[in-house]
């Protein structure tokens, strides 16, 4: 029988997962918080499971590395090579998108 609880990467995240993700994204640097808040305002209604996974992975970075990525001072490869993946690259592009 088909597993109905399986989550697909392009499926929208649910409210509970979104709430946890927003909590996880709180940062120590105000600049990062501004980028992340702008991200949620723009993309929250259409955020997918894959994008949430990418954002979670980026949240493992230090505040300074994350800010360097936001501002384009460093690449994912320079900061953490194992983060050069479709999900993190997509989210980083979304974070950098101008409103």
N, C-alpha and C. Protein backbone atom coordinates (compact mmCIF):
# COMPACT_ATOMS: atom_id res chain seq x y z
N UNK A 1 0.84 -1.19 0.00
CA UNK A 1 0.00 0.00 0.00
C UNK A 1 0.88 1.24 0.00
N UNK A 2 0.44 2.29 -0.67
CA UNK A 2 1.18 3.54 -0.78
C UNK A 2 1.20 4.25 0.57
N UNK A 3 2.35 4.76 0.95
CA UNK A 3 2.49 5.46 2.21
C UNK A 3 2.03 6.91 2.04
N UNK A 4 0.89 7.25 2.59
CA UNK A 4 0.32 8.59 2.44
C UNK A 4 1.05 9.63 3.28
N UNK A 5 1.82 9.17 4.26
CA UNK A 5 2.51 10.13 5.12
C UNK A 5 3.88 10.51 4.56
N UNK A 6 4.27 9.95 3.43
CA UNK A 6 5.55 10.30 2.82
C UNK A 6 5.54 11.77 2.40
N UNK A 7 6.63 12.44 2.66
CA UNK A 7 6.72 13.85 2.34
C UNK A 7 7.60 14.01 1.09
N UNK A 8 7.07 14.72 0.13
CA UNK A 8 7.79 14.97 -1.11
C UNK A 8 8.57 16.27 -1.00
N UNK A 9 9.74 16.36 -1.65
CA UNK A 9 10.57 17.57 -1.54
C UNK A 9 9.88 18.85 -2.00
N UNK A 10 8.97 18.73 -2.98
CA UNK A 10 8.31 19.94 -3.48
C UNK A 10 6.98 20.21 -2.81
N UNK A 11 6.68 19.44 -1.78
CA UNK A 11 5.45 19.64 -0.99
C UNK A 11 5.65 20.85 -0.07
N UNK A 12 4.61 21.65 0.12
CA UNK A 12 4.69 22.79 1.03
C UNK A 12 4.84 22.29 2.46
N UNK A 13 5.61 23.03 3.25
CA UNK A 13 5.74 22.62 4.65
C UNK A 13 4.48 23.02 5.41
N UNK A 14 4.19 22.28 6.47
CA UNK A 14 2.98 22.56 7.24
C UNK A 14 3.26 23.64 8.29
N UNK A 15 2.20 24.10 8.94
CA UNK A 15 2.30 25.20 9.90
C UNK A 15 3.24 24.88 11.06
N UNK A 16 3.19 23.65 11.55
CA UNK A 16 4.05 23.26 12.68
C UNK A 16 5.52 23.31 12.27
N UNK A 17 5.82 22.74 11.09
CA UNK A 17 7.20 22.75 10.60
C UNK A 17 7.66 24.19 10.33
N UNK A 18 6.77 25.02 9.82
CA UNK A 18 7.11 26.41 9.56
C UNK A 18 7.43 27.15 10.86
N UNK A 19 6.64 26.90 11.88
CA UNK A 19 6.87 27.54 13.17
C UNK A 19 8.22 27.13 13.75
N UNK A 20 8.55 25.85 13.66
CA UNK A 20 9.84 25.35 14.14
C UNK A 20 10.98 25.96 13.33
N UNK A 21 10.79 26.07 12.03
CA UNK A 21 11.82 26.63 11.16
C UNK A 21 12.07 28.09 11.49
N UNK A 22 11.02 28.85 11.69
CA UNK A 22 11.18 30.27 12.04
C UNK A 22 11.95 30.41 13.36
N UNK A 23 11.63 29.56 14.32
CA UNK A 23 12.32 29.59 15.61
C UNK A 23 13.80 29.23 15.42
N UNK A 24 14.06 28.25 14.59
CA UNK A 24 15.43 27.80 14.32
C UNK A 24 16.26 28.87 13.63
N UNK A 25 15.61 29.75 12.91
CA UNK A 25 16.30 30.76 12.10
C UNK A 25 16.66 32.03 12.88
N UNK A 26 16.33 32.09 14.14
CA UNK A 26 16.71 33.28 14.92
C UNK A 26 18.24 33.32 15.02
N UNK A 27 18.81 34.48 14.78
CA UNK A 27 20.25 34.62 14.73
C UNK A 27 20.74 35.67 15.71
N UNK A 28 22.06 35.68 15.95
CA UNK A 28 22.68 36.64 16.84
C UNK A 28 23.00 37.97 16.19
N UNK A 29 23.20 37.96 14.89
CA UNK A 29 23.50 39.20 14.17
C UNK A 29 22.22 39.79 13.59
N UNK A 30 21.98 41.05 13.87
CA UNK A 30 20.79 41.73 13.37
C UNK A 30 20.70 41.67 11.85
N UNK A 31 21.84 41.80 11.19
CA UNK A 31 21.85 41.78 9.72
C UNK A 31 21.29 40.46 9.18
N UNK A 32 21.67 39.36 9.81
CA UNK A 32 21.13 38.06 9.40
C UNK A 32 19.64 37.98 9.65
N UNK A 33 19.21 38.47 10.80
CA UNK A 33 17.78 38.46 11.12
C UNK A 33 16.98 39.24 10.08
N UNK A 34 17.53 40.35 9.61
CA UNK A 34 16.84 41.16 8.60
C UNK A 34 16.69 40.38 7.30
N UNK A 35 17.79 39.75 6.84
CA UNK A 35 17.71 38.94 5.63
C UNK A 35 16.70 37.81 5.78
N UNK A 36 16.72 37.15 6.93
CA UNK A 36 15.84 36.00 7.14
C UNK A 36 14.39 36.43 7.26
N UNK A 37 14.13 37.52 7.94
CA UNK A 37 12.76 38.01 8.07
C UNK A 37 12.21 38.40 6.70
N UNK A 38 13.02 39.05 5.90
CA UNK A 38 12.61 39.42 4.54
C UNK A 38 12.31 38.15 3.73
N UNK A 39 13.13 37.12 3.90
CA UNK A 39 12.93 35.83 3.23
C UNK A 39 11.55 35.26 3.59
N UNK A 40 11.24 35.22 4.89
CA UNK A 40 9.96 34.65 5.31
C UNK A 40 8.78 35.49 4.82
N UNK A 41 8.90 36.79 4.86
CA UNK A 41 7.80 37.64 4.37
C UNK A 41 7.50 37.36 2.91
N UNK A 42 8.54 37.11 2.14
CA UNK A 42 8.36 36.91 0.70
C UNK A 42 7.99 35.47 0.34
N UNK A 43 8.59 34.49 0.99
CA UNK A 43 8.48 33.11 0.53
C UNK A 43 7.71 32.16 1.45
N UNK A 44 7.32 32.62 2.63
CA UNK A 44 6.65 31.74 3.59
C UNK A 44 5.47 30.97 3.00
N UNK A 45 4.58 31.61 2.24
CA UNK A 45 3.41 30.87 1.74
C UNK A 45 3.75 29.75 0.75
N UNK A 46 4.92 29.81 0.14
CA UNK A 46 5.26 28.83 -0.89
C UNK A 46 6.48 27.99 -0.53
N UNK A 47 6.90 28.01 0.73
CA UNK A 47 8.10 27.31 1.16
C UNK A 47 7.88 25.80 1.10
N UNK A 48 8.79 25.12 0.41
CA UNK A 48 8.68 23.66 0.26
C UNK A 48 9.54 22.93 1.28
N UNK A 49 9.33 21.64 1.36
CA UNK A 49 10.12 20.79 2.25
C UNK A 49 11.60 20.88 1.87
N UNK A 50 11.90 20.83 0.58
CA UNK A 50 13.28 20.91 0.11
C UNK A 50 13.92 22.24 0.51
N UNK A 51 13.20 23.33 0.34
CA UNK A 51 13.73 24.64 0.71
C UNK A 51 13.93 24.74 2.22
N UNK A 52 13.02 24.18 2.98
CA UNK A 52 13.15 24.18 4.45
C UNK A 52 14.40 23.39 4.86
N UNK A 53 14.67 22.29 4.18
CA UNK A 53 15.87 21.51 4.48
C UNK A 53 17.12 22.33 4.17
N UNK A 54 17.11 23.04 3.06
CA UNK A 54 18.24 23.89 2.70
C UNK A 54 18.45 25.00 3.71
N UNK A 55 17.37 25.62 4.14
CA UNK A 55 17.46 26.70 5.12
C UNK A 55 17.98 26.17 6.45
N UNK A 56 17.49 25.02 6.87
CA UNK A 56 17.99 24.40 8.10
C UNK A 56 19.49 24.15 8.02
N UNK A 57 19.95 23.67 6.88
CA UNK A 57 21.38 23.40 6.70
C UNK A 57 22.19 24.70 6.81
N UNK A 58 21.69 25.76 6.21
CA UNK A 58 22.39 27.04 6.28
C UNK A 58 22.43 27.59 7.71
N UNK A 59 21.43 27.26 8.51
CA UNK A 59 21.37 27.75 9.88
C UNK A 59 22.43 27.09 10.78
N UNK A 60 23.06 26.05 10.27
CA UNK A 60 24.15 25.41 11.01
C UNK A 60 25.44 26.23 10.94
N UNK A 61 25.50 27.17 10.02
CA UNK A 61 26.69 28.01 9.86
C UNK A 61 26.79 29.05 10.96
N UNK A 62 27.99 29.56 11.15
CA UNK A 62 28.18 30.66 12.09
C UNK A 62 27.50 31.91 11.53
N UNK A 63 27.21 32.86 12.39
CA UNK A 63 26.59 34.11 11.95
C UNK A 63 27.45 34.82 10.91
N UNK A 64 28.75 34.86 11.13
CA UNK A 64 29.63 35.57 10.20
C UNK A 64 29.67 34.89 8.84
N UNK A 65 29.74 33.56 8.81
CA UNK A 65 29.72 32.85 7.53
C UNK A 65 28.40 33.07 6.81
N UNK A 66 27.31 33.02 7.55
CA UNK A 66 26.00 33.24 6.95
C UNK A 66 25.89 34.64 6.35
N UNK A 67 26.37 35.63 7.07
CA UNK A 67 26.34 36.99 6.56
C UNK A 67 27.22 37.13 5.31
N UNK A 68 28.39 36.50 5.33
CA UNK A 68 29.25 36.53 4.14
C UNK A 68 28.55 35.93 2.93
N UNK A 69 27.78 34.87 3.14
CA UNK A 69 27.02 34.27 2.05
C UNK A 69 25.92 35.22 1.56
N UNK A 70 25.19 35.80 2.50
CA UNK A 70 24.12 36.74 2.13
C UNK A 70 24.65 37.87 1.27
N UNK A 71 25.79 38.40 1.66
CA UNK A 71 26.34 39.57 0.99
C UNK A 71 27.18 39.22 -0.23
N UNK A 72 27.36 37.92 -0.48
CA UNK A 72 28.11 37.49 -1.64
C UNK A 72 29.62 37.65 -1.48
N UNK A 73 30.08 37.81 -0.25
CA UNK A 73 31.53 37.94 -0.01
C UNK A 73 32.22 36.59 -0.10
N UNK A 74 31.47 35.53 0.13
CA UNK A 74 31.99 34.16 0.03
C UNK A 74 30.95 33.29 -0.66
N UNK A 75 31.42 32.17 -1.19
CA UNK A 75 30.53 31.18 -1.81
C UNK A 75 30.31 30.03 -0.85
N UNK A 76 29.31 29.22 -1.15
CA UNK A 76 29.09 28.01 -0.34
C UNK A 76 30.34 27.14 -0.33
N UNK A 77 30.99 27.04 -1.46
CA UNK A 77 32.20 26.22 -1.55
C UNK A 77 33.29 26.73 -0.61
N UNK A 78 33.44 28.04 -0.50
CA UNK A 78 34.44 28.62 0.39
C UNK A 78 34.07 28.43 1.86
N UNK A 79 32.80 28.50 2.16
CA UNK A 79 32.35 28.44 3.55
C UNK A 79 32.28 27.00 4.06
N UNK A 80 31.60 26.16 3.31
CA UNK A 80 31.45 24.76 3.72
C UNK A 80 31.11 23.92 2.49
N UNK A 81 32.11 23.27 1.91
CA UNK A 81 31.92 22.56 0.64
C UNK A 81 30.77 21.55 0.62
N UNK A 82 30.49 20.91 1.73
CA UNK A 82 29.40 19.93 1.72
C UNK A 82 28.02 20.57 1.63
N UNK A 83 27.95 21.89 1.70
CA UNK A 83 26.68 22.59 1.54
C UNK A 83 26.40 22.98 0.09
N UNK A 84 27.31 22.65 -0.81
CA UNK A 84 27.08 22.92 -2.23
C UNK A 84 26.11 21.85 -2.73
N UNK A 85 24.83 22.15 -2.56
CA UNK A 85 23.74 21.23 -2.91
C UNK A 85 22.61 22.07 -3.52
N UNK A 86 21.70 21.39 -4.20
CA UNK A 86 20.57 22.08 -4.83
C UNK A 86 19.73 22.85 -3.81
N UNK A 87 19.42 22.22 -2.67
CA UNK A 87 18.52 22.86 -1.71
C UNK A 87 19.14 24.11 -1.09
N UNK A 88 20.41 24.03 -0.69
CA UNK A 88 21.04 25.19 -0.06
C UNK A 88 21.30 26.30 -1.08
N UNK A 89 21.69 25.92 -2.28
CA UNK A 89 21.93 26.92 -3.33
C UNK A 89 20.64 27.67 -3.67
N UNK A 90 19.55 26.93 -3.76
CA UNK A 90 18.25 27.55 -4.07
C UNK A 90 17.85 28.54 -2.98
N UNK A 91 17.98 28.11 -1.73
CA UNK A 91 17.59 28.98 -0.61
C UNK A 91 18.51 30.20 -0.53
N UNK A 92 19.79 30.00 -0.78
CA UNK A 92 20.70 31.14 -0.75
C UNK A 92 20.32 32.17 -1.81
N UNK A 93 19.93 31.71 -2.98
CA UNK A 93 19.45 32.62 -4.02
C UNK A 93 18.19 33.35 -3.58
N UNK A 94 17.32 32.64 -2.90
CA UNK A 94 16.09 33.25 -2.38
C UNK A 94 16.41 34.30 -1.31
N UNK A 95 17.36 33.98 -0.44
CA UNK A 95 17.75 34.92 0.61
C UNK A 95 18.34 36.19 0.01
N UNK A 96 19.08 36.05 -1.06
CA UNK A 96 19.72 37.19 -1.70
C UNK A 96 18.78 38.00 -2.59
N UNK A 97 17.63 37.44 -2.92
CA UNK A 97 16.70 38.10 -3.85
C UNK A 97 16.22 39.43 -3.25
N UNK A 98 16.22 40.43 -4.08
CA UNK A 98 15.75 41.73 -3.61
C UNK A 98 14.23 41.72 -3.56
N UNK A 99 13.66 42.39 -2.57
CA UNK A 99 12.20 42.39 -2.42
C UNK A 99 11.48 43.12 -3.53
